[in-house]
C-alpha atoms as a PDB file:
ATOM      1  CA  MET A   1      72.747 120.899   1.859  1.00  0.00           C
ATOM      2  CA  MET A   2      71.819 117.698   0.037  1.00  0.00           C
ATOM      3  CA  HIS A   3      71.470 117.715  -3.738  1.00  0.00           C
ATOM      4  CA  GLU A   4      69.333 115.270  -5.610  1.00  0.00           C
ATOM      5  CA  THR A   5      71.243 112.771  -7.687  1.00  0.00           C
ATOM      6  CA  ASN A   6      71.662 113.439 -11.386  1.00  0.00           C
ATOM      7  CA  LEU A   7      73.865 110.457 -12.323  1.00  0.00           C
ATOM      8  CA  SER A   8      72.898 106.873 -12.950  1.00  0.00           C
ATOM      9  CA  GLU A   9      74.478 103.933 -11.121  1.00  0.00           C
ATOM     10  CA  LYS A  10      76.672 103.011 -14.098  1.00  0.00           C
ATOM     11  CA  ASN A  11      77.748 106.588 -14.670  1.00  0.00           C
ATOM     12  CA  ALA A  12      78.590 107.053 -11.000  1.00  0.00           C
ATOM     13  CA  PHE A  13      80.631 103.841 -10.939  1.00  0.00           C
ATOM     14  CA  CYS A  14      82.549 104.849 -14.090  1.00  0.00           C
ATOM     15  CA  ARG A  15      83.302 108.277 -12.609  1.00  0.00           C
ATOM     16  CA  PHE A  16      84.485 106.715  -9.367  1.00  0.00           C
ATOM     17  CA  ALA A  17      86.743 104.242 -11.210  1.00  0.00           C
ATOM     18  CA  MET A  18      88.163 107.005 -13.410  1.00  0.00           C
ATOM     19  CA  GLY A  19      88.737 109.168 -10.351  1.00  0.00           C
ATOM     20  CA  VAL A  20      90.627 106.382  -8.568  1.00  0.00           C
ATOM     21  CA  SER A  21      92.858 105.768 -11.588  1.00  0.00           C
ATOM     22  CA  LEU A  22      93.550 109.489 -12.125  1.00  0.00           C
ATOM     23  CA  THR A  23      94.402 109.916  -8.464  1.00  0.00           C
ATOM     24  CA  ALA A  24      96.732 106.898  -8.557  1.00  0.00           C
ATOM     25  CA  PHE A  25      98.549 108.156 -11.661  1.00  0.00           C
ATOM     26  CA  GLY A  26      98.801 111.619 -10.139  1.00  0.00           C
ATOM     27  CA  ILE A  27     100.299 110.203  -6.925  1.00  0.00           C
ATOM     28  CA  ALA A  28     102.803 108.202  -8.988  1.00  0.00           C
ATOM     29  CA  LYS A  29     103.858 111.336 -10.892  1.00  0.00           C
ATOM     30  CA  VAL A  30     104.188 113.417  -7.728  1.00  0.00           C
ATOM     31  CA  SER A  31     106.145 110.688  -5.965  1.00  0.00           C
ATOM     32  CA  ARG A  32     108.757 110.743  -8.772  1.00  0.00           C
ATOM     33  CA  ASN A  33     108.839 114.532  -9.072  1.00  0.00           C
ATOM     34  CA  PRO A  34     107.364 116.523  -6.146  1.00  0.00           C
ATOM     35  CA  GLU A  35     107.230 119.722  -8.247  1.00  0.00           C
ATOM     36  CA  CYS A  36     105.086 118.123 -10.973  1.00  0.00           C
ATOM     37  CA  THR A  37     102.066 120.335 -11.645  1.00  0.00           C
ATOM     38  CA  LYS A  38     100.409 117.753 -13.917  1.00  0.00           C
ATOM     39  CA  GLY A  39     100.497 115.196 -11.126  1.00  0.00           C
ATOM     40  CA  ARG A  40      98.899 117.601  -8.670  1.00  0.00           C
ATOM     41  CA  LEU A  41      96.160 118.460 -11.165  1.00  0.00           C
ATOM     42  CA  MET A  42      95.543 114.760 -11.802  1.00  0.00           C
ATOM     43  CA  ILE A  43      95.163 114.157  -8.058  1.00  0.00           C
ATOM     44  CA  ALA A  44      92.712 117.060  -7.689  1.00  0.00           C
ATOM     45  CA  PHE A  45      90.683 116.112 -10.748  1.00  0.00           C
ATOM     46  CA  GLY A  46      90.652 112.443  -9.738  1.00  0.00           C
ATOM     47  CA  ALA A  47      89.430 113.327  -6.240  1.00  0.00           C
ATOM     48  CA  PHE A  48      86.694 115.459  -7.787  1.00  0.00           C
ATOM     49  CA  LYS A  49      85.587 112.557 -10.015  1.00  0.00           C
ATOM     50  CA  MET A  50      85.641 110.137  -7.071  1.00  0.00           C
ATOM     51  CA  ALA A  51      83.390 112.489  -5.094  1.00  0.00           C
ATOM     52  CA  GLU A  52      80.985 112.726  -8.038  1.00  0.00           C
ATOM     53  CA  GLY A  53      80.844 108.933  -8.187  1.00  0.00           C
ATOM     54  CA  ILE A  54      80.242 108.576  -4.449  1.00  0.00           C
ATOM     55  CA  PHE A  55      77.501 111.205  -4.200  1.00  0.00           C
ATOM     56  CA  LYS A  56      76.019 110.504  -7.669  1.00  0.00           C
ATOM     57  CA  TYR A  57      75.880 114.233  -8.303  1.00  0.00           C
ATOM     58  CA  CYS A  58      77.737 116.211 -10.956  1.00  0.00           C
ATOM     59  CA  PRO A  59      77.662 119.988 -10.408  1.00  0.00           C
ATOM     60  CA  THR A  60      78.725 120.665 -13.995  1.00  0.00           C
ATOM     61  CA  LYS A  61      75.848 118.603 -15.343  1.00  0.00           C
ATOM     62  CA  ALA A  62      73.439 120.359 -12.971  1.00  0.00           C
ATOM     63  CA  LEU A  63      74.722 123.777 -14.070  1.00  0.00           C
ATOM     64  CA  LEU A  64      74.381 122.956 -17.747  1.00  0.00           C
ATOM     65  CA  SER A  65      70.869 121.563 -17.348  1.00  0.00           C
ATOM     66  CA  SER A  66      69.757 124.639 -15.389  1.00  0.00           C
ATOM     67  CA  CYS A  67      71.237 126.879 -18.100  1.00  0.00           C
ATOM     68  CA  MET A  68      69.344 124.915 -20.733  1.00  0.00           C
ATOM     69  CA  GLU A  69      66.112 125.211 -18.757  1.00  0.00           C
ATOM     70  CA  SER A  70      66.567 128.965 -18.346  1.00  0.00           C
ATOM     71  CA  ALA A  71      67.284 129.302 -22.073  1.00  0.00           C
ATOM     72  CA  MET A  72      64.109 127.382 -22.825  1.00  0.00           C
ATOM     73  CA  SER A  73      62.068 129.557 -20.472  1.00  0.00           C
ATOM     74  CA  ASN A  74      63.554 132.710 -22.023  1.00  0.00           C
ATOM     75  CA  ASN A  75      62.538 131.364 -25.388  1.00  0.00           C
ATOM     76  CA  ASP A  76      58.979 130.918 -24.048  1.00  0.00           C
ATOM     77  CA  SER A  77      58.714 134.568 -23.065  1.00  0.00           C
ATOM     78  CA  ASN A  78      60.508 136.035 -26.093  1.00  0.00           C
ATOM     79  CA  SER A  79      59.017 134.107 -29.010  1.00  0.00           C
ATOM     80  CA  ASN A  80      55.789 132.678 -30.271  1.00  0.00           C
ATOM     81  CA  SER A  81      54.649 129.126 -29.685  1.00  0.00           C
ATOM     82  CA  THR A  82      55.958 127.830 -33.043  1.00  0.00           C
ATOM     83  CA  GLY A  83      59.513 128.910 -32.236  1.00  0.00           C
ATOM     84  CA  ASN A  84      59.236 127.334 -28.813  1.00  0.00           C
ATOM     85  CA  SER A  85      58.003 124.026 -30.164  1.00  0.00           C
ATOM     86  CA  SER A  86      60.801 123.919 -32.709  1.00  0.00           C
ATOM     87  CA  MET A  87      63.356 124.665 -29.982  1.00  0.00           C
ATOM     88  CA  GLN A  88      61.914 121.944 -27.756  1.00  0.00           C
ATOM     89  CA  SER A  89      61.788 119.462 -30.615  1.00  0.00           C
ATOM     90  CA  MET A  90      65.406 120.257 -31.450  1.00  0.00           C
ATOM     91  CA  PHE A  91      66.513 119.378 -27.937  1.00  0.00           C
ATOM     92  CA  SER A  92      64.257 116.365 -27.555  1.00  0.00           C
ATOM     93  CA  GLY A  93      65.181 114.927 -30.955  1.00  0.00           C
ATOM     94  CA  GLN A  94      61.625 115.013 -32.269  1.00  0.00           C
ATOM     95  CA  ASN A  95      60.561 116.789 -35.412  1.00  0.00           C
ATOM     96  CA  SER A  96      57.318 118.744 -35.109  1.00  0.00           C
ATOM     97  CA  MET A  97      55.757 120.519 -38.081  1.00  0.00           C
ATOM     98  CA  SER A  98      52.643 122.597 -38.351  1.00  0.00           C
ATOM     99  CA  SER A  99      49.791 121.496 -40.585  1.00  0.00           C
ATOM    100  CA  GLU A 100      50.492 124.427 -42.947  1.00  0.00           C
ATOM    101  CA  GLN A 101      54.085 123.278 -43.415  1.00  0.00           C
ATOM    102  CA  ILE A 102      52.943 119.708 -44.057  1.00  0.00           C
ATOM    103  CA  ASP A 103      50.361 120.878 -46.625  1.00  0.00           C
ATOM    104  CA  LYS A 104      52.995 122.969 -48.416  1.00  0.00           C
ATOM    105  CA  LEU A 105      55.397 120.038 -48.523  1.00  0.00           C
ATOM    106  CA  MET A 106      52.693 117.742 -49.891  1.00  0.00           C
ATOM    107  CA  LYS A 107      51.835 120.254 -52.656  1.00  0.00           C
ATOM    108  CA  ASP A 108      55.503 120.634 -53.561  1.00  0.00           C
ATOM    109  CA  PHE A 109      55.902 116.867 -53.645  1.00  0.00           C
ATOM    110  CA  SER A 110      52.831 116.347 -55.838  1.00  0.00           C
ATOM    111  CA  SER A 111      53.974 119.057 -58.262  1.00  0.00           C
ATOM    112  CA  ALA A 112      57.398 117.431 -58.468  1.00  0.00           C
ATOM    113  CA  ILE A 113      55.818 114.044 -59.176  1.00  0.00           C
ATOM    114  CA  SER A 114      53.509 115.418 -61.865  1.00  0.00           C
ATOM    115  CA  GLY A 115      56.411 117.344 -63.403  1.00  0.00           C
ATOM    116  CA  ASN A 116      58.493 114.177 -63.378  1.00  0.00           C
ATOM    117  CA  THR A 117      56.769 112.755 -66.517  1.00  0.00           C
ATOM    118  CA  SER A 118      57.787 115.749 -68.615  1.00  0.00           C
ATOM    119  CA  GLY A 119      61.184 115.657 -66.910  1.00  0.00           C
ATOM    120  CA  SER A 120      61.734 112.093 -68.171  1.00  0.00           C
ATOM    121  CA  ASN A 121      61.615 113.346 -71.779  1.00  0.00           C
ATOM    122  CA  ALA A 122      64.198 115.961 -70.942  1.00  0.00           C
ATOM    123  CA  THR A 123      66.337 113.286 -69.309  1.00  0.00           C
ATOM    124  CA  ALA A 124      66.105 111.109 -72.409  1.00  0.00           C
ATOM    125  CA  SER A 125      67.162 113.990 -74.672  1.00  0.00           C
ATOM    126  CA  LYS A 126      70.085 114.743 -72.334  1.00  0.00           C
ATOM    127  CA  GLN A 127      71.160 111.102 -72.547  1.00  0.00           C
ATOM    128  CA  SER A 128      71.071 111.162 -76.355  1.00  0.00           C
ATOM    129  CA  ASP A 129      73.076 114.395 -76.363  1.00  0.00           C
ATOM    130  CA  SER A 130      75.681 112.845 -74.099  1.00  0.00           C
ATOM    131  CA  SER A 131      75.926 109.738 -76.300  1.00  0.00           C
ATOM    132  CA  ASN A 132      76.465 111.964 -79.364  1.00  0.00           C
ATOM    133  CA  SER A 133      79.187 113.881 -77.557  1.00  0.00           C
ATOM    134  CA  ASN A 134      80.835 110.595 -76.521  1.00  0.00           C
ATOM    135  CA  GLN A 135      80.848 109.452 -80.159  1.00  0.00           C
ATOM    136  CA  ASN A 136      82.304 112.786 -81.274  1.00  0.00           C
ATOM    137  CA  SER A 137      85.020 112.619 -78.654  1.00  0.00           C
ATOM    138  CA  SER A 138      85.959 109.052 -79.674  1.00  0.00           C
ATOM    139  CA  GLU A 139      86.180 110.143 -83.339  1.00  0.00           C
ATOM    140  CA  SER A 140      88.421 113.080 -82.404  1.00  0.00           C
ATOM    141  CA  LYS A 141      90.655 110.771 -80.339  1.00  0.00           C
ATOM    142  CA  SER A 142      91.073 108.391 -83.276  1.00  0.00           C
ATOM    143  CA  SER A 143      91.911 111.272 -85.626  1.00  0.00           C
ATOM    144  CA  THR A 144      94.545 112.610 -83.210  1.00  0.00           C
ATOM    145  CA  ASN A 145      96.025 109.116 -82.944  1.00  0.00           C
ATOM    146  CA  LYS A 146      96.250 108.907 -86.767  1.00  0.00           C
ATOM    147  CA  ALA A 147      97.931 112.298 -86.874  1.00  0.00           C
ATOM    148  CA  GLN A 148     100.511 111.248 -84.289  1.00  0.00           C
ATOM    149  CA  ASN A 149     101.128 107.805 -85.839  1.00  0.00           C
ATOM    150  CA  PRO A 150     101.024 108.169 -89.637  1.00  0.00           C
ATOM    151  CA  SER A 151     101.593 104.455 -90.289  1.00  0.00           C
END
């Protein structure tokens, strides 16, 4: 039973190299202590990674991709097309919006821009209030300093 490859050349080479090094470290551990469980696990895991590198096939990656595909197909049958497109765009890294959502965002943006001119007056009054409070706090600090140092 031949599986189609799901690893690139670079990925396969890296897995093979990592598998060789894990196997070598595992053999070194087992040669020092024959009862070492970590060494045995390193040998097994390293052999598994070497096989993945040789055959350019990762069963874990294949399992995860098939699970993702089945989740996407379940989403197709259980939801409407908008939910499906948002799920697909989430996995593909693209952002898709409907024309209604875009129109709503544009109206919200234009109302925020037009409200910004009246908001600038409110910002100016807030700045003057804060400057008055800063002056009041500096006056109270100087009066407390005079009370502490009566010279």
